[in-house]
Amino acid sequence: MAEFLYLYRGGQRGWTPEESQQIMQRWMNWFKELGASGNLKDGGQPLEPEGKIVRDKSGPVTDGPYAEAKDLVGGYTLIEAPSLDRAAELAKGCPILERQGLVEVRPIMKLDM
């Protein structure tokens, strides 16, 4: 099994408390499905919207990221799957897709150390 990182981008904001609770329940159900199938390695965490940008060792550290909302990474999850195609197929169950968001699926490169 290989490891893959899901990066969650975009998605609608401004939900009512009831909508937020329903959405969170869909996320929890999806994580349970990934866990039950043996694909969930680390559920990850949501990310705060603010951060810093470091471009080089001697340059300034600036506020950021400054990107369109659809491009901001809102969280991540680490999964295991036999292939990139299978990891992408598993991502189709992500609730962010119901809110015009997307899941970027990236293979984790193994380094020999």
C-alpha atoms as a PDB file:
ATOM      1  CA  MET A   1       0.000   0.000   0.000  1.00  0.00           C
ATOM      2  CA  ALA A   2       1.211   3.483  -0.829  1.00  0.00           C
ATOM      3  CA  GLU A   3       0.494   6.667   1.115  1.00  0.00           C
ATOM      4  CA  PHE A   4      -1.434   9.605  -0.315  1.00  0.00           C
ATOM      5  CA  LEU A   5      -2.243  13.065   0.969  1.00  0.00           C
ATOM      6  CA  TYR A   6      -5.654  14.614   0.457  1.00  0.00           C
ATOM      7  CA  LEU A   7      -5.585  18.414   0.405  1.00  0.00           C
ATOM      8  CA  TYR A   8      -9.018  19.991   0.711  1.00  0.00           C
ATOM      9  CA  ARG A   9      -9.463  23.191  -1.281  1.00  0.00           C
ATOM     10  CA  GLY A  10     -12.284  25.692  -1.466  1.00  0.00           C
ATOM     11  CA  GLY A  11     -15.856  24.874  -0.591  1.00  0.00           C
ATOM     12  CA  GLN A  12     -18.708  27.157   0.303  1.00  0.00           C
ATOM     13  CA  ARG A  13     -18.674  29.036   3.605  1.00  0.00           C
ATOM     14  CA  GLY A  14     -21.290  30.782   5.734  1.00  0.00           C
ATOM     15  CA  TRP A  15     -23.350  27.841   6.902  1.00  0.00           C
ATOM     16  CA  THR A  16     -26.007  27.996   9.568  1.00  0.00           C
ATOM     17  CA  PRO A  17     -25.238  26.090  12.803  1.00  0.00           C
ATOM     18  CA  GLU A  18     -27.599  23.332  11.676  1.00  0.00           C
ATOM     19  CA  GLU A  19     -25.885  23.054   8.278  1.00  0.00           C
ATOM     20  CA  SER A  20     -22.478  23.004   9.958  1.00  0.00           C
ATOM     21  CA  GLN A  21     -23.561  20.122  12.175  1.00  0.00           C
ATOM     22  CA  GLN A  22     -24.919  18.152   9.196  1.00  0.00           C
ATOM     23  CA  ILE A  23     -21.752  18.766   7.176  1.00  0.00           C
ATOM     24  CA  MET A  24     -19.523  17.719  10.088  1.00  0.00           C
ATOM     25  CA  GLN A  25     -21.555  14.514  10.470  1.00  0.00           C
ATOM     26  CA  ARG A  26     -21.027  13.721   6.768  1.00  0.00           C
ATOM     27  CA  TRP A  27     -17.264  14.238   7.239  1.00  0.00           C
ATOM     28  CA  MET A  28     -17.238  11.940  10.292  1.00  0.00           C
ATOM     29  CA  ASN A  29     -19.200   9.263   8.399  1.00  0.00           C
ATOM     30  CA  TRP A  30     -16.775   9.472   5.481  1.00  0.00           C
ATOM     31  CA  PHE A  31     -13.760   9.144   7.810  1.00  0.00           C
ATOM     32  CA  LYS A  32     -15.415   6.114   9.447  1.00  0.00           C
ATOM     33  CA  GLU A  33     -15.876   4.510   6.012  1.00  0.00           C
ATOM     34  CA  LEU A  34     -12.215   5.140   5.138  1.00  0.00           C
ATOM     35  CA  GLY A  35     -11.167   3.682   8.495  1.00  0.00           C
ATOM     36  CA  ALA A  36     -13.378   0.626   8.160  1.00  0.00           C
ATOM     37  CA  SER A  37     -11.938  -0.093   4.704  1.00  0.00           C
ATOM     38  CA  GLY A  38      -8.378   0.162   6.064  1.00  0.00           C
ATOM     39  CA  ASN A  39      -7.526   3.235   3.970  1.00  0.00           C
ATOM     40  CA  LEU A  40      -7.416   5.942   6.658  1.00  0.00           C
ATOM     41  CA  LYS A  41      -3.898   6.382   8.030  1.00  0.00           C
ATOM     42  CA  ASP A  42      -4.329   9.793   9.718  1.00  0.00           C
ATOM     43  CA  GLY A  43      -7.532  11.832   9.709  1.00  0.00           C
ATOM     44  CA  GLY A  44      -5.462  15.026   9.602  1.00  0.00           C
ATOM     45  CA  GLN A  45      -6.785  18.369  10.749  1.00  0.00           C
ATOM     46  CA  PRO A  46      -8.521  21.435   9.370  1.00  0.00           C
ATOM     47  CA  LEU A  47      -6.241  24.429   8.857  1.00  0.00           C
ATOM     48  CA  GLU A  48      -6.710  28.018   9.983  1.00  0.00           C
ATOM     49  CA  PRO A  49      -7.089  30.486   7.088  1.00  0.00           C
ATOM     50  CA  GLU A  50      -4.129  32.682   8.054  1.00  0.00           C
ATOM     51  CA  GLY A  51      -0.440  31.826   7.841  1.00  0.00           C
ATOM     52  CA  LYS A  52       2.985  33.072   6.775  1.00  0.00           C
ATOM     53  CA  ILE A  53       4.919  32.787   3.528  1.00  0.00           C
ATOM     54  CA  VAL A  54       8.666  32.085   3.601  1.00  0.00           C
ATOM     55  CA  ARG A  55      10.311  32.447   0.197  1.00  0.00           C
ATOM     56  CA  ASP A  56      14.011  32.172   1.029  1.00  0.00           C
ATOM     57  CA  LYS A  57      16.406  32.187   4.009  1.00  0.00           C
ATOM     58  CA  SER A  58      17.355  35.868   3.816  1.00  0.00           C
ATOM     59  CA  GLY A  59      14.092  37.331   2.572  1.00  0.00           C
ATOM     60  CA  PRO A  60      11.180  38.679   4.561  1.00  0.00           C
ATOM     61  CA  VAL A  61       8.465  36.508   6.041  1.00  0.00           C
ATOM     62  CA  THR A  62       5.127  37.826   4.839  1.00  0.00           C
ATOM     63  CA  ASP A  63       1.522  37.297   5.801  1.00  0.00           C
ATOM     64  CA  GLY A  64      -0.419  34.916   3.656  1.00  0.00           C
ATOM     65  CA  PRO A  65      -1.478  32.811   1.952  1.00  0.00           C
ATOM     66  CA  TYR A  66      -3.164  35.230  -0.402  1.00  0.00           C
ATOM     67  CA  ALA A  67      -5.089  33.221  -2.921  1.00  0.00           C
ATOM     68  CA  GLU A  68      -8.629  32.977  -4.126  1.00  0.00           C
ATOM     69  CA  ALA A  69     -10.855  31.111  -1.677  1.00  0.00           C
ATOM     70  CA  LYS A  70     -11.162  28.204  -4.099  1.00  0.00           C
ATOM     71  CA  ASP A  71      -7.367  27.734  -3.977  1.00  0.00           C
ATOM     72  CA  LEU A  72      -6.861  27.846  -0.197  1.00  0.00           C
ATOM     73  CA  VAL A  73      -5.971  24.563   1.475  1.00  0.00           C
ATOM     74  CA  GLY A  74      -8.471  24.070   4.282  1.00  0.00           C
ATOM     75  CA  GLY A  75      -7.197  20.771   5.680  1.00  0.00           C
ATOM     76  CA  TYR A  76      -5.551  17.459   4.952  1.00  0.00           C
ATOM     77  CA  THR A  77      -5.860  13.698   5.469  1.00  0.00           C
ATOM     78  CA  LEU A  78      -3.309  10.913   5.031  1.00  0.00           C
ATOM     79  CA  ILE A  79      -4.608   7.698   3.485  1.00  0.00           C
ATOM     80  CA  GLU A  80      -3.254   4.397   2.215  1.00  0.00           C
ATOM     81  CA  ALA A  81      -4.291   2.870  -1.088  1.00  0.00           C
ATOM     82  CA  PRO A  82      -2.784   0.480  -3.628  1.00  0.00           C
ATOM     83  CA  SER A  83      -2.627   3.141  -6.375  1.00  0.00           C
ATOM     84  CA  LEU A  84      -3.184   6.794  -7.192  1.00  0.00           C
ATOM     85  CA  ASP A  85      -6.280   5.813  -9.169  1.00  0.00           C
ATOM     86  CA  ARG A  86      -7.753   4.049  -6.124  1.00  0.00           C
ATOM     87  CA  ALA A  87      -6.889   6.998  -3.860  1.00  0.00           C
ATOM     88  CA  ALA A  88      -8.683   9.321  -6.295  1.00  0.00           C
ATOM     89  CA  GLU A  89     -11.685   6.998  -6.374  1.00  0.00           C
ATOM     90  CA  LEU A  90     -11.870   7.044  -2.550  1.00  0.00           C
ATOM     91  CA  ALA A  91     -11.755  10.866  -2.600  1.00  0.00           C
ATOM     92  CA  LYS A  92     -15.029  10.936  -4.539  1.00  0.00           C
ATOM     93  CA  GLY A  93     -16.856  10.319  -1.251  1.00  0.00           C
ATOM     94  CA  CYS A  94     -15.544  13.534   0.330  1.00  0.00           C
ATOM     95  CA  PRO A  95     -18.276  15.907   1.556  1.00  0.00           C
ATOM     96  CA  ILE A  96     -16.375  18.989   0.317  1.00  0.00           C
ATOM     97  CA  LEU A  97     -17.375  17.985  -3.209  1.00  0.00           C
ATOM     98  CA  GLU A  98     -21.001  18.711  -2.266  1.00  0.00           C
ATOM     99  CA  ARG A  99     -19.984  22.334  -1.517  1.00  0.00           C
ATOM    100  CA  GLN A 100     -18.069  23.202  -4.728  1.00  0.00           C
ATOM    101  CA  GLY A 101     -14.748  22.292  -3.133  1.00  0.00           C
ATOM    102  CA  LEU A 102     -12.156  19.886  -4.415  1.00  0.00           C
ATOM    103  CA  VAL A 103      -9.785  17.224  -3.145  1.00  0.00           C
ATOM    104  CA  GLU A 104      -6.218  17.294  -4.415  1.00  0.00           C
ATOM    105  CA  VAL A 105      -4.758  13.769  -4.213  1.00  0.00           C
ATOM    106  CA  ARG A 106      -0.959  13.627  -3.950  1.00  0.00           C
ATOM    107  CA  PRO A 107       1.279  10.562  -3.613  1.00  0.00           C
ATOM    108  CA  ILE A 108       3.742  10.686  -0.718  1.00  0.00           C
ATOM    109  CA  MET A 109       7.273  10.187  -2.055  1.00  0.00           C
ATOM    110  CA  LYS A 110       9.310   7.659  -0.096  1.00  0.00           C
ATOM    111  CA  LEU A 111      12.843   8.774   0.745  1.00  0.00           C
ATOM    112  CA  ASP A 112      15.541   6.312   1.700  1.00  0.00           C
ATOM    113  CA  MET A 113      17.153   7.705   4.817  1.00  0.00           C
END
